[in-house]
Amino acid sequence: MESESVPQEITSLVGREVYSNNGVFVGEVEDLRLDMDAERVTGLALGEINRELFDARVDGSKGVLVPYRWVRAVGDVVLINDAIEQMTETDDEDV
């Protein structure tokens, strides 16, 4: 028997914590970026961000926009690719 996917309101993502697939806290979903023509989510606007990951890149900004294509799973929390951590490691290697 096929399990039917129950549609959820996209606003149910707001307030969820976002972690990398390595378990590092990235931020909290505050809003969504939508492509109204394609009727799909294109990004997650994160607030309460992990300053260790972003301070060198966002220069005092209160949040970041993460491409939705990075999302790997949505449940009690949102899991994204470890691309954020990889950007930080690249910066460390440049020093």
Protein backbone atom coordinates (compact mmCIF):
# COMPACT_ATOMS: atom_id res chain seq x y z
CA MET A 1 0.00 0.00 0.00
CA GLU A 2 1.38 3.41 -0.94
CA SER A 3 1.64 5.96 1.80
CA GLU A 4 0.09 9.23 0.81
CA SER A 5 2.04 12.39 1.40
CA VAL A 6 0.00 14.85 3.38
CA PRO A 7 0.57 18.41 2.16
CA GLN A 8 1.78 20.78 4.86
CA GLU A 9 1.60 24.52 4.98
CA ILE A 10 4.95 26.08 4.18
CA THR A 11 4.57 28.30 7.22
CA SER A 12 5.12 25.17 9.32
CA LEU A 13 8.84 25.59 8.53
CA VAL A 14 8.99 28.95 10.31
CA GLY A 15 10.56 28.60 13.74
CA ARG A 16 12.32 25.32 13.04
CA GLU A 17 15.99 25.03 13.85
CA VAL A 18 18.36 24.32 10.98
CA TYR A 19 21.37 22.03 11.34
CA SER A 20 24.02 20.82 8.93
CA ASN A 21 23.99 17.10 8.21
CA ASN A 22 27.04 16.96 10.53
CA GLY A 23 24.91 18.22 13.43
CA VAL A 24 26.17 21.83 13.56
CA PHE A 25 23.52 24.43 14.41
CA VAL A 26 23.14 26.86 11.48
CA GLY A 27 20.16 29.06 12.44
CA GLU A 28 16.40 29.25 12.79
CA VAL A 29 13.92 29.64 9.94
CA GLU A 30 12.32 33.09 10.08
CA ASP A 31 10.87 33.32 6.59
CA LEU A 32 10.78 31.62 3.20
CA ARG A 33 11.74 32.78 -0.26
CA LEU A 34 9.18 31.74 -2.84
CA ASP A 35 9.08 31.56 -6.62
CA MET A 36 5.43 32.33 -7.18
CA ASP A 37 5.51 31.45 -10.90
CA ALA A 38 6.91 27.98 -10.26
CA GLU A 39 4.96 27.64 -6.99
CA ARG A 40 7.95 26.44 -4.99
CA VAL A 41 10.22 27.38 -2.10
CA THR A 42 13.63 28.62 -3.29
CA GLY A 43 15.27 29.60 -0.02
CA LEU A 44 15.13 29.71 3.75
CA ALA A 45 15.69 33.03 5.50
CA LEU A 46 17.51 32.21 8.73
CA GLY A 47 17.79 34.34 11.83
CA GLU A 48 19.41 33.58 15.17
CA ILE A 49 22.34 32.35 13.08
CA ASN A 50 25.45 30.58 14.33
CA ARG A 51 27.88 33.50 14.43
CA GLU A 52 30.92 31.19 14.31
CA LEU A 53 29.84 30.08 10.85
CA PHE A 54 28.77 33.43 9.42
CA ASP A 55 30.45 36.43 11.06
CA ALA A 56 33.26 36.58 8.51
CA ARG A 57 30.74 36.53 5.64
CA VAL A 58 27.70 38.51 6.78
CA ASP A 59 29.44 41.42 8.52
CA GLY A 60 26.88 42.26 11.20
CA SER A 61 23.82 41.05 9.31
CA LYS A 62 20.99 39.60 11.37
CA GLY A 63 20.40 36.64 9.08
CA VAL A 64 21.23 34.73 5.94
CA LEU A 65 19.37 33.21 3.00
CA VAL A 66 20.10 29.53 2.42
CA PRO A 67 19.20 28.02 -0.97
CA TYR A 68 16.43 25.45 -0.59
CA ARG A 69 18.38 23.03 -2.79
CA TRP A 70 20.70 22.54 0.22
CA VAL A 71 17.84 21.08 2.28
CA ARG A 72 18.25 17.33 2.80
CA ALA A 73 15.41 16.61 5.24
CA VAL A 74 12.58 18.35 7.06
CA GLY A 75 11.19 16.99 10.30
CA ASP A 76 11.32 18.39 13.81
CA VAL A 77 14.40 20.23 12.52
CA VAL A 78 15.66 21.06 9.03
CA LEU A 79 18.86 19.35 7.86
CA ILE A 80 20.97 20.98 5.16
CA ASN A 81 24.17 20.06 3.34
CA ASP A 82 27.40 20.77 5.15
CA ALA A 83 28.22 23.44 2.53
CA ILE A 84 28.25 26.10 5.26
CA GLU A 85 30.94 24.24 7.19
CA GLN A 86 32.94 23.63 4.02
CA MET A 87 32.95 27.38 3.28
CA THR A 88 34.32 28.00 6.79
CA GLU A 89 37.04 25.34 6.35
CA THR A 90 38.07 26.92 3.03
CA ASP A 91 38.42 30.29 4.76
CA ASP A 92 40.58 28.72 7.49
CA GLU A 93 42.88 27.12 4.92
CA ASP A 94 43.42 30.47 3.18
CA VAL A 95 44.89 32.00 6.36
